Amino acid sequence: MILDADLLLDSASAITSSAASANTIDLSEQRDMGIGDDPALKLLCLVDTAFTTTNSATLQVQFQGSTDNSTWDTYAESPAYAAAALVAGARLFDIDVPRPAAGKSMPRYLRLDYVVGTGVFSTGSVTSAIVLGRDDEPAGGAYPSGFSVNN
């Protein structure tokens, strides 16, 4: 997986309360980001530092777009993750870059919005980016080991 600094939304950014991503991606004009292309652009959202809380805080990730960098539309959102699921190395919200909802304009600006509910986190950080390909693991875990091939 290759990370492009211009497509980086967060780099080990601490998330303790609701906040927008550290960076906003400016596409320079309103455009379709190749939705439906193969391969499609993907969202990577990786937990760098485990999240801890003294209450029952949850984290929800929203992918948002804007035409003016001021008013934001949410195109897709993750479920609300409990702190127990937010361990170092956890991947959140593995999706293809979504298309705007019907009736919404193509975005010029892209960002993530982190919504913390039911309290605050004491610690926790994420790295997020738009990538062409993630280092995805096959469904069900790694390939089995210990097999032999007859010659």
N, C-alpha and C. Protein backbone atom coordinates (compact mmCIF):
# COMPACT_ATOMS: atom_id res chain seq x y z
N MET A 1 0.85 -1.16 0.00
CA MET A 1 0.00 0.00 0.00
C MET A 1 0.90 1.23 0.00
N ILE A 2 0.55 2.20 -0.82
CA ILE A 2 1.31 3.43 -0.93
C ILE A 2 0.47 4.57 -0.37
N LEU A 3 1.05 5.34 0.55
CA LEU A 3 0.37 6.50 1.11
C LEU A 3 0.89 7.75 0.41
N ASP A 4 -0.02 8.58 -0.07
CA ASP A 4 0.31 9.83 -0.74
C ASP A 4 0.01 10.96 0.25
N ALA A 5 0.98 11.80 0.53
CA ALA A 5 0.81 12.89 1.50
C ALA A 5 -0.36 13.80 1.14
N ASP A 6 -0.64 13.96 -0.16
CA ASP A 6 -1.75 14.82 -0.58
C ASP A 6 -3.11 14.18 -0.34
N LEU A 7 -3.14 12.88 -0.07
CA LEU A 7 -4.40 12.17 0.19
C LEU A 7 -4.50 11.69 1.63
N LEU A 8 -3.62 12.21 2.49
CA LEU A 8 -3.60 11.85 3.90
C LEU A 8 -4.57 12.75 4.66
N LEU A 9 -5.51 12.15 5.36
CA LEU A 9 -6.49 12.90 6.15
C LEU A 9 -6.01 13.09 7.58
N ASP A 10 -5.38 12.07 8.15
CA ASP A 10 -4.84 12.12 9.51
C ASP A 10 -3.58 11.29 9.57
N SER A 11 -2.63 11.74 10.38
CA SER A 11 -1.41 10.98 10.60
C SER A 11 -1.19 10.87 12.11
N ALA A 12 -1.58 9.75 12.67
CA ALA A 12 -1.50 9.51 14.12
C ALA A 12 -2.14 10.65 14.90
N SER A 13 -3.31 11.10 14.44
CA SER A 13 -4.03 12.20 15.09
C SER A 13 -4.80 11.69 16.31
N ALA A 14 -4.61 12.37 17.43
CA ALA A 14 -5.33 12.01 18.66
C ALA A 14 -6.80 12.38 18.52
N ILE A 15 -7.66 11.45 18.89
CA ILE A 15 -9.11 11.68 18.86
C ILE A 15 -9.62 11.41 20.28
N THR A 16 -9.96 12.46 21.02
CA THR A 16 -10.52 12.28 22.35
C THR A 16 -11.95 12.76 22.43
N SER A 17 -12.31 13.69 21.56
CA SER A 17 -13.70 14.16 21.45
C SER A 17 -14.01 14.37 19.98
N SER A 18 -15.26 14.67 19.66
CA SER A 18 -15.66 14.83 18.26
C SER A 18 -14.82 15.88 17.55
N ALA A 19 -14.37 15.56 16.34
CA ALA A 19 -13.54 16.49 15.57
C ALA A 19 -13.50 16.07 14.11
N ALA A 20 -13.20 17.03 13.26
CA ALA A 20 -12.97 16.74 11.84
C ALA A 20 -11.53 16.27 11.66
N SER A 21 -11.26 15.60 10.54
CA SER A 21 -9.89 15.14 10.27
C SER A 21 -8.94 16.34 10.24
N ALA A 22 -7.68 16.06 10.53
CA ALA A 22 -6.67 17.12 10.58
C ALA A 22 -6.50 17.79 9.23
N ASN A 23 -6.65 17.03 8.14
CA ASN A 23 -6.48 17.56 6.80
C ASN A 23 -7.77 17.43 6.00
N THR A 24 -7.95 18.35 5.09
CA THR A 24 -9.05 18.30 4.12
C THR A 24 -8.41 18.16 2.74
N ILE A 25 -8.95 17.27 1.93
CA ILE A 25 -8.41 17.07 0.59
C ILE A 25 -9.13 18.01 -0.37
N ASP A 26 -8.37 18.86 -1.06
CA ASP A 26 -8.92 19.78 -2.06
C ASP A 26 -8.67 19.16 -3.44
N LEU A 27 -9.75 18.82 -4.13
CA LEU A 27 -9.65 18.19 -5.45
C LEU A 27 -9.46 19.21 -6.57
N SER A 28 -9.39 20.50 -6.23
CA SER A 28 -9.20 21.65 -7.12
C SER A 28 -10.43 22.00 -7.94
N GLU A 29 -11.38 21.08 -8.07
CA GLU A 29 -12.67 21.36 -8.71
C GLU A 29 -13.62 20.25 -8.31
N GLN A 30 -14.90 20.47 -8.49
CA GLN A 30 -15.88 19.43 -8.18
C GLN A 30 -15.70 18.29 -9.17
N ARG A 31 -15.63 17.05 -8.66
CA ARG A 31 -15.40 15.94 -9.57
C ARG A 31 -15.85 14.62 -8.98
N ASP A 32 -16.10 13.70 -9.91
CA ASP A 32 -16.38 12.30 -9.58
C ASP A 32 -15.02 11.65 -9.42
N MET A 33 -14.79 10.99 -8.30
CA MET A 33 -13.49 10.40 -8.01
C MET A 33 -13.33 9.00 -8.59
N GLY A 34 -14.03 8.73 -9.70
CA GLY A 34 -13.87 7.44 -10.35
C GLY A 34 -14.66 6.35 -9.67
N ILE A 35 -15.76 6.74 -9.05
CA ILE A 35 -16.58 5.78 -8.34
C ILE A 35 -17.05 4.71 -9.31
N GLY A 36 -16.84 3.46 -8.95
CA GLY A 36 -17.19 2.35 -9.82
C GLY A 36 -16.04 1.88 -10.68
N ASP A 37 -14.94 2.62 -10.68
CA ASP A 37 -13.77 2.18 -11.45
C ASP A 37 -13.17 0.94 -10.80
N ASP A 38 -12.39 0.22 -11.54
CA ASP A 38 -11.72 -0.94 -11.00
C ASP A 38 -10.24 -0.83 -11.30
N PRO A 39 -9.39 -0.54 -10.36
CA PRO A 39 -9.71 -0.51 -8.94
C PRO A 39 -10.27 0.85 -8.52
N ALA A 40 -11.16 0.82 -7.52
CA ALA A 40 -11.75 2.04 -6.99
C ALA A 40 -10.86 2.60 -5.88
N LEU A 41 -10.91 3.91 -5.68
CA LEU A 41 -10.20 4.51 -4.56
C LEU A 41 -10.85 4.01 -3.27
N LYS A 42 -10.03 3.81 -2.24
CA LYS A 42 -10.50 3.23 -1.00
C LYS A 42 -10.15 4.14 0.17
N LEU A 43 -10.91 4.00 1.24
CA LEU A 43 -10.63 4.71 2.48
C LEU A 43 -9.89 3.77 3.41
N LEU A 44 -8.81 4.25 3.98
CA LEU A 44 -8.06 3.53 5.00
C LEU A 44 -8.18 4.32 6.29
N CYS A 45 -8.64 3.69 7.35
CA CYS A 45 -8.73 4.33 8.66
C CYS A 45 -8.20 3.33 9.67
N LEU A 46 -7.01 3.59 10.17
CA LEU A 46 -6.26 2.64 11.00
C LEU A 46 -6.05 3.21 12.40
N VAL A 47 -6.32 2.41 13.43
CA VAL A 47 -6.07 2.83 14.81
C VAL A 47 -4.59 2.68 15.09
N ASP A 48 -3.92 3.78 15.44
CA ASP A 48 -2.49 3.76 15.77
C ASP A 48 -2.29 3.45 17.25
N THR A 49 -2.98 4.19 18.10
CA THR A 49 -2.89 4.03 19.55
C THR A 49 -4.26 3.61 20.05
N ALA A 50 -4.31 2.56 20.86
CA ALA A 50 -5.59 2.06 21.37
C ALA A 50 -6.37 3.16 22.09
N PHE A 51 -7.67 3.11 21.95
CA PHE A 51 -8.55 4.08 22.60
C PHE A 51 -8.90 3.58 24.00
N THR A 52 -8.84 4.49 24.96
CA THR A 52 -9.26 4.17 26.33
C THR A 52 -10.25 5.22 26.79
N THR A 53 -11.12 4.81 27.69
CA THR A 53 -12.14 5.71 28.21
C THR A 53 -12.50 5.31 29.62
N THR A 54 -12.92 6.27 30.42
CA THR A 54 -13.38 5.98 31.78
C THR A 54 -14.91 5.89 31.80
N ASN A 55 -15.52 6.10 30.66
CA ASN A 55 -16.98 5.96 30.54
C ASN A 55 -17.25 5.05 29.34
N SER A 56 -18.40 5.07 28.78
CA SER A 56 -18.71 4.16 27.66
C SER A 56 -18.67 4.91 26.33
N ALA A 57 -17.61 5.66 26.09
CA ALA A 57 -17.49 6.44 24.85
C ALA A 57 -17.47 5.52 23.63
N THR A 58 -18.01 6.02 22.53
CA THR A 58 -18.00 5.31 21.25
C THR A 58 -17.44 6.23 20.18
N LEU A 59 -16.96 5.63 19.09
CA LEU A 59 -16.42 6.40 17.97
C LEU A 59 -17.12 5.99 16.69
N GLN A 60 -17.61 6.99 15.96
CA GLN A 60 -18.21 6.77 14.64
C GLN A 60 -17.43 7.63 13.65
N VAL A 61 -17.14 7.06 12.47
CA VAL A 61 -16.39 7.76 11.44
C VAL A 61 -17.34 8.10 10.30
N GLN A 62 -17.34 9.37 9.87
CA GLN A 62 -18.19 9.81 8.76
C GLN A 62 -17.30 10.30 7.62
N PHE A 63 -17.59 9.84 6.39
CA PHE A 63 -16.89 10.33 5.20
C PHE A 63 -17.75 11.46 4.64
N GLN A 64 -17.16 12.66 4.50
CA GLN A 64 -17.92 13.84 4.10
C GLN A 64 -17.32 14.53 2.89
N GLY A 65 -18.18 15.23 2.14
CA GLY A 65 -17.76 16.02 1.00
C GLY A 65 -18.39 17.39 1.05
N SER A 66 -17.78 18.35 0.38
CA SER A 66 -18.26 19.72 0.38
C SER A 66 -17.93 20.39 -0.95
N THR A 67 -18.77 21.31 -1.36
CA THR A 67 -18.48 22.10 -2.55
C THR A 67 -17.77 23.40 -2.19
N ASP A 68 -17.85 23.82 -0.90
CA ASP A 68 -17.32 25.12 -0.50
C ASP A 68 -16.38 25.10 0.71
N ASN A 69 -16.05 23.90 1.24
CA ASN A 69 -15.18 23.75 2.41
C ASN A 69 -15.79 24.38 3.66
N SER A 70 -17.11 24.51 3.65
CA SER A 70 -17.80 25.11 4.79
C SER A 70 -19.01 24.27 5.20
N THR A 71 -19.82 23.90 4.23
CA THR A 71 -21.00 23.08 4.47
C THR A 71 -20.69 21.65 4.03
N TRP A 72 -20.89 20.70 4.93
CA TRP A 72 -20.46 19.32 4.67
C TRP A 72 -21.65 18.38 4.60
N ASP A 73 -21.61 17.47 3.63
CA ASP A 73 -22.60 16.40 3.50
C ASP A 73 -21.93 15.09 3.86
N THR A 74 -22.62 14.26 4.63
CA THR A 74 -22.10 12.94 4.98
C THR A 74 -22.53 11.95 3.91
N TYR A 75 -21.55 11.30 3.27
CA TYR A 75 -21.82 10.33 2.20
C TYR A 75 -21.92 8.91 2.74
N ALA A 76 -21.20 8.61 3.81
CA ALA A 76 -21.22 7.28 4.42
C ALA A 76 -20.74 7.42 5.86
N GLU A 77 -21.23 6.52 6.72
CA GLU A 77 -20.78 6.53 8.11
C GLU A 77 -20.67 5.11 8.64
N SER A 78 -19.73 4.95 9.54
CA SER A 78 -19.46 3.64 10.14
C SER A 78 -20.44 3.39 11.27
N PRO A 79 -20.47 2.17 11.78
CA PRO A 79 -21.20 1.95 13.03
C PRO A 79 -20.46 2.65 14.16
N ALA A 80 -21.08 2.77 15.32
CA ALA A 80 -20.42 3.33 16.49
C ALA A 80 -19.59 2.23 17.14
N TYR A 81 -18.28 2.43 17.21
CA TYR A 81 -17.36 1.44 17.77
C TYR A 81 -17.16 1.70 19.26
N ALA A 82 -17.27 0.67 20.08
CA ALA A 82 -16.96 0.77 21.50
C ALA A 82 -15.44 0.76 21.67
N ALA A 83 -14.96 1.26 22.80
CA ALA A 83 -13.52 1.34 23.06
C ALA A 83 -12.85 -0.03 22.96
N ALA A 84 -13.54 -1.10 23.34
CA ALA A 84 -12.96 -2.44 23.29
C ALA A 84 -12.58 -2.85 21.86
N ALA A 85 -13.25 -2.29 20.85
CA ALA A 85 -12.95 -2.61 19.45
C ALA A 85 -11.86 -1.72 18.87
N LEU A 86 -11.50 -0.67 19.58
CA LEU A 86 -10.55 0.32 19.06
C LEU A 86 -9.14 0.05 19.58
N VAL A 87 -8.63 -1.12 19.26
CA VAL A 87 -7.29 -1.53 19.68
C VAL A 87 -6.27 -1.13 18.61
N ALA A 88 -5.02 -1.02 18.99
CA ALA A 88 -3.97 -0.67 18.03
C ALA A 88 -3.96 -1.68 16.89
N GLY A 89 -3.94 -1.18 15.66
CA GLY A 89 -3.94 -2.02 14.48
C GLY A 89 -5.32 -2.30 13.91
N ALA A 90 -6.37 -1.96 14.64
CA ALA A 90 -7.73 -2.17 14.13
C ALA A 90 -7.99 -1.27 12.93
N ARG A 91 -8.67 -1.84 11.94
CA ARG A 91 -9.02 -1.06 10.75
C ARG A 91 -10.50 -0.75 10.81
N LEU A 92 -10.81 0.52 10.72
CA LEU A 92 -12.19 0.98 10.79
C LEU A 92 -12.65 1.40 9.41
N PHE A 93 -13.89 1.11 9.11
CA PHE A 93 -14.55 1.74 7.96
C PHE A 93 -13.83 1.51 6.64
N ASP A 94 -13.50 0.25 6.33
CA ASP A 94 -12.86 -0.09 5.06
C ASP A 94 -13.92 -0.06 3.96
N ILE A 95 -13.99 1.04 3.23
CA ILE A 95 -14.98 1.19 2.16
C ILE A 95 -14.32 1.78 0.92
N ASP A 96 -14.98 1.62 -0.23
CA ASP A 96 -14.59 2.37 -1.42
C ASP A 96 -15.06 3.81 -1.22
N VAL A 97 -14.37 4.78 -1.82
CA VAL A 97 -14.80 6.17 -1.71
C VAL A 97 -16.23 6.26 -2.24
N PRO A 98 -17.16 6.73 -1.40
CA PRO A 98 -18.57 6.70 -1.78
C PRO A 98 -18.98 7.83 -2.72
N ARG A 99 -20.06 7.60 -3.41
CA ARG A 99 -20.68 8.58 -4.29
C ARG A 99 -21.61 9.46 -3.46
N PRO A 100 -21.75 10.74 -3.82
CA PRO A 100 -22.70 11.60 -3.12
C PRO A 100 -24.12 11.07 -3.28
N ALA A 101 -24.96 11.34 -2.30
CA ALA A 101 -26.37 10.93 -2.35
C ALA A 101 -27.07 11.62 -3.52
N ALA A 102 -28.15 11.03 -3.97
CA ALA A 102 -28.93 11.62 -5.07
C ALA A 102 -29.33 13.05 -4.71
N GLY A 103 -29.16 13.93 -5.67
CA GLY A 103 -29.51 15.33 -5.46
C GLY A 103 -28.39 16.18 -4.88
N LYS A 104 -27.29 15.56 -4.49
CA LYS A 104 -26.14 16.30 -3.95
C LYS A 104 -25.11 16.52 -5.04
N SER A 105 -24.42 17.64 -4.96
CA SER A 105 -23.38 17.97 -5.94
C SER A 105 -22.12 17.14 -5.71
N MET A 106 -21.34 16.95 -6.78
CA MET A 106 -20.03 16.32 -6.64
C MET A 106 -19.16 17.22 -5.76
N PRO A 107 -18.36 16.63 -4.89
CA PRO A 107 -17.56 17.44 -3.97
C PRO A 107 -16.29 17.99 -4.59
N ARG A 108 -15.83 19.10 -4.04
CA ARG A 108 -14.48 19.58 -4.33
C ARG A 108 -13.57 19.22 -3.15
N TYR A 109 -14.14 19.20 -1.95
CA TYR A 109 -13.37 18.93 -0.73
C TYR A 109 -13.85 17.64 -0.08
N LEU A 110 -12.91 16.89 0.50
CA LEU A 110 -13.22 15.65 1.20
C LEU A 110 -12.57 15.68 2.58
N ARG A 111 -13.26 15.08 3.55
CA ARG A 111 -12.70 14.96 4.90
C ARG A 111 -13.40 13.82 5.63
N LEU A 112 -12.88 13.50 6.81
CA LEU A 112 -13.55 12.60 7.73
C LEU A 112 -14.01 13.41 8.92
N ASP A 113 -15.10 12.96 9.53
CA ASP A 113 -15.57 13.56 10.76
C ASP A 113 -15.66 12.43 11.78
N TYR A 114 -15.00 12.62 12.91
CA TYR A 114 -14.99 11.62 13.98
C TYR A 114 -16.00 12.06 15.03
N VAL A 115 -17.02 11.25 15.24
CA VAL A 115 -18.08 11.58 16.19
C VAL A 115 -17.91 10.70 17.42
N VAL A 116 -17.59 11.34 18.55
CA VAL A 116 -17.44 10.63 19.82
C VAL A 116 -18.74 10.80 20.59
N GLY A 117 -19.33 9.66 20.96
CA GLY A 117 -20.61 9.70 21.67
C GLY A 117 -20.48 9.13 23.07
N THR A 118 -21.37 9.53 23.94
CA THR A 118 -21.50 9.02 25.31
C THR A 118 -20.26 9.28 26.16
N GLY A 119 -19.60 10.35 26.00
CA GLY A 119 -18.44 10.67 26.82
C GLY A 119 -17.25 11.10 25.98
N VAL A 120 -16.06 10.89 26.52
CA VAL A 120 -14.82 11.24 25.82
C VAL A 120 -13.83 10.09 25.97
N PHE A 121 -12.82 10.09 25.11
CA PHE A 121 -11.74 9.12 25.22
C PHE A 121 -10.57 9.76 25.95
N SER A 122 -9.83 8.96 26.72
CA SER A 122 -8.63 9.44 27.40
C SER A 122 -7.45 9.43 26.44
N THR A 123 -7.36 8.36 25.63
CA THR A 123 -6.30 8.24 24.63
C THR A 123 -6.87 7.59 23.38
N GLY A 124 -6.13 7.68 22.31
CA GLY A 124 -6.50 7.04 21.05
C GLY A 124 -6.10 7.92 19.88
N SER A 125 -5.57 7.28 18.83
CA SER A 125 -5.19 8.04 17.63
C SER A 125 -5.42 7.19 16.39
N VAL A 126 -5.60 7.88 15.25
CA VAL A 126 -5.85 7.21 13.98
C VAL A 126 -4.98 7.81 12.87
N THR A 127 -4.73 7.00 11.86
CA THR A 127 -4.16 7.46 10.60
C THR A 127 -5.17 7.11 9.53
N SER A 128 -5.54 8.10 8.72
CA SER A 128 -6.55 7.90 7.68
C SER A 128 -6.08 8.51 6.38
N ALA A 129 -6.42 7.84 5.28
CA ALA A 129 -6.02 8.32 3.96
C ALA A 129 -6.91 7.71 2.90
N ILE A 130 -6.89 8.31 1.72
CA ILE A 130 -7.49 7.70 0.55
C ILE A 130 -6.37 7.02 -0.20
N VAL A 131 -6.57 5.74 -0.51
CA VAL A 131 -5.52 4.94 -1.14
C VAL A 131 -6.10 4.21 -2.35
N LEU A 132 -5.23 3.75 -3.22
CA LEU A 132 -5.67 2.96 -4.37
C LEU A 132 -5.89 1.51 -3.97
N GLY A 133 -5.13 1.03 -3.00
CA GLY A 133 -5.29 -0.34 -2.53
C GLY A 133 -4.82 -0.45 -1.10
N ARG A 134 -5.59 -1.19 -0.28
CA ARG A 134 -5.20 -1.47 1.10
C ARG A 134 -4.52 -2.82 1.13
N ASP A 135 -3.71 -3.06 2.14
CA ASP A 135 -3.12 -4.38 2.35
C ASP A 135 -4.17 -5.23 3.06
N ASP A 136 -5.19 -5.64 2.32
CA ASP A 136 -6.28 -6.40 2.90
C ASP A 136 -5.88 -7.85 3.13
N GLU A 137 -6.39 -8.41 4.20
CA GLU A 137 -6.18 -9.81 4.50
C GLU A 137 -7.35 -10.59 3.94
N PRO A 138 -7.14 -11.79 3.43
CA PRO A 138 -8.25 -12.57 2.89
C PRO A 138 -9.33 -12.80 3.94
N ALA A 139 -10.57 -12.88 3.53
CA ALA A 139 -11.68 -13.13 4.44
C ALA A 139 -11.42 -14.42 5.21
N GLY A 140 -11.68 -14.39 6.52
CA GLY A 140 -11.48 -15.58 7.33
C GLY A 140 -10.07 -15.70 7.88
N GLY A 141 -9.22 -14.73 7.66
CA GLY A 141 -7.87 -14.78 8.21
C GLY A 141 -6.84 -15.11 7.17
N ALA A 142 -5.64 -15.41 7.64
CA ALA A 142 -4.51 -15.69 6.75
C ALA A 142 -4.69 -17.04 6.07
N TYR A 143 -3.94 -17.26 5.03
CA TYR A 143 -3.96 -18.54 4.34
C TYR A 143 -3.49 -19.64 5.29
N PRO A 144 -4.02 -20.83 5.15
CA PRO A 144 -3.60 -21.92 6.07
C PRO A 144 -2.15 -22.28 5.84
N SER A 145 -1.50 -22.72 6.91
CA SER A 145 -0.10 -23.13 6.81
C SER A 145 0.00 -24.65 6.95
N GLY A 146 1.16 -25.17 6.68
CA GLY A 146 1.41 -26.58 6.88
C GLY A 146 0.90 -27.49 5.80
N PHE A 147 0.66 -26.98 4.61
CA PHE A 147 0.20 -27.85 3.53
C PHE A 147 1.41 -28.29 2.71
N SER A 148 1.26 -29.42 2.02
CA SER A 148 2.35 -29.91 1.19
C SER A 148 1.82 -30.18 -0.20
N VAL A 149 2.73 -30.10 -1.16
CA VAL A 149 2.39 -30.30 -2.57
C VAL A 149 3.14 -31.52 -3.06
N ASN A 150 2.42 -32.48 -3.64
CA ASN A 150 3.06 -33.69 -4.18
C ASN A 150 3.77 -33.35 -5.49
N ASN A 151 4.95 -33.91 -5.67
CA ASN A 151 5.70 -33.71 -6.91
C ASN A 151 5.49 -34.86 -7.85
